[in-house]
């Protein structure tokens, strides 16, 4: 995935509701170490909500993973430029 930078496997797929995948950045995590990435999807009228939960992040990796989601995924999909449209828990 992602031009060979990430390897992963789909753990669960519930169409229109949930995607759960185990991911690891190649060369960044120790061999065999994966994070679990869960996307919960919900539709309310003409809008949709995506809740992201990523667990199993090794010590020292939270900062760059958090900023990566924000920079590469949430901000580009925002309805307003420069606004992520999400609130970290």
Protein backbone atom coordinates (compact mmCIF):
# COMPACT_ATOMS: atom_id res chain seq x y z
CA UNK A 1 0.00 0.00 0.00
CA UNK A 2 1.00 3.63 -0.45
CA UNK A 3 3.73 2.99 -3.01
CA UNK A 4 5.25 0.16 -0.96
CA UNK A 5 5.72 2.27 2.18
CA UNK A 6 3.02 0.48 4.19
CA UNK A 7 2.15 -3.17 4.38
CA UNK A 8 -1.09 -4.38 5.82
CA UNK A 9 -4.04 -6.70 5.76
CA UNK A 10 -7.78 -6.19 6.08
CA UNK A 11 -8.99 -7.76 9.33
CA UNK A 12 -12.68 -6.87 9.04
CA UNK A 13 -14.84 -5.35 6.35
CA UNK A 14 -18.48 -4.47 7.03
CA UNK A 15 -19.69 -2.61 3.93
CA UNK A 16 -20.96 0.91 4.63
CA UNK A 17 -20.12 0.51 8.35
CA UNK A 18 -16.59 -0.48 9.26
CA UNK A 19 -13.09 -1.19 7.95
CA UNK A 20 -10.44 -2.65 10.24
CA UNK A 21 -6.88 -3.13 8.99
CA UNK A 22 -3.52 -4.06 10.50
CA UNK A 23 -0.81 -1.73 9.15
CA UNK A 24 2.92 -1.25 9.54
CA UNK A 25 5.25 1.27 7.91
CA UNK A 26 8.04 -0.73 6.31
CA UNK A 27 11.42 0.15 7.77
CA UNK A 28 9.87 2.22 10.57
CA UNK A 29 8.38 -0.44 12.89
CA UNK A 30 10.18 -3.56 14.05
CA UNK A 31 9.45 -6.65 11.96
CA UNK A 32 6.07 -8.11 12.87
CA UNK A 33 4.82 -4.99 14.69
CA UNK A 34 1.50 -3.66 13.38
CA UNK A 35 -1.01 -1.03 14.45
CA UNK A 36 -4.71 -1.71 14.21
CA UNK A 37 -6.54 0.97 12.21
CA UNK A 38 -10.33 1.06 12.53
CA UNK A 39 -12.62 3.27 10.43
CA UNK A 40 -16.24 3.54 11.60
CA UNK A 41 -18.52 4.98 8.93
CA UNK A 42 -21.93 6.55 9.49
CA UNK A 43 -24.29 8.42 7.21
CA UNK A 44 -26.74 11.04 8.42
CA UNK A 45 -28.79 12.47 5.59
CA UNK A 46 -26.46 13.97 3.00
CA UNK A 47 -23.45 13.94 5.34
CA UNK A 48 -21.09 11.21 6.43
CA UNK A 49 -18.96 10.74 9.50
CA UNK A 50 -15.71 8.79 9.68
CA UNK A 51 -14.30 7.90 13.09
CA UNK A 52 -10.68 6.76 13.07
CA UNK A 53 -9.17 4.74 15.89
CA UNK A 54 -5.56 3.57 15.63
CA UNK A 55 -4.24 1.38 18.43
CA UNK A 56 -1.02 -0.51 19.11
CA UNK A 57 1.25 2.40 18.20
CA UNK A 58 4.80 1.66 19.38
CA UNK A 59 6.42 4.16 21.77
CA UNK A 60 7.96 7.13 19.97
CA UNK A 61 5.74 6.88 16.87
CA UNK A 62 2.54 8.65 17.92
CA UNK A 63 3.60 12.15 16.85
CA UNK A 64 4.47 11.39 13.24
CA UNK A 65 1.49 9.05 12.79
CA UNK A 66 -0.93 11.65 14.17
CA UNK A 67 0.49 14.44 12.03
CA UNK A 68 0.52 12.14 8.99
CA UNK A 69 -3.23 11.51 9.26
CA UNK A 70 -3.87 15.21 9.63
CA UNK A 71 -1.57 16.34 6.80
CA UNK A 72 -2.33 13.63 4.24
CA UNK A 73 -5.93 12.67 4.88
CA UNK A 74 -8.08 14.92 7.04
CA UNK A 75 -7.02 18.35 5.82
CA UNK A 76 -7.23 17.55 2.07
CA UNK A 77 -10.77 16.19 2.52
CA UNK A 78 -12.03 19.13 4.55
CA UNK A 79 -15.00 21.09 3.31
CA UNK A 80 -13.08 24.27 4.18
CA UNK A 81 -9.42 24.74 3.16
CA UNK A 82 -7.09 24.45 6.13
CA UNK A 83 -9.73 23.01 8.42
CA UNK A 84 -9.48 19.34 9.27
CA UNK A 85 -13.09 18.88 10.31
CA UNK A 86 -12.20 16.48 13.12
CA UNK A 87 -11.41 16.63 16.78
CA UNK A 88 -8.75 14.35 18.27
CA UNK A 89 -9.82 12.57 21.42
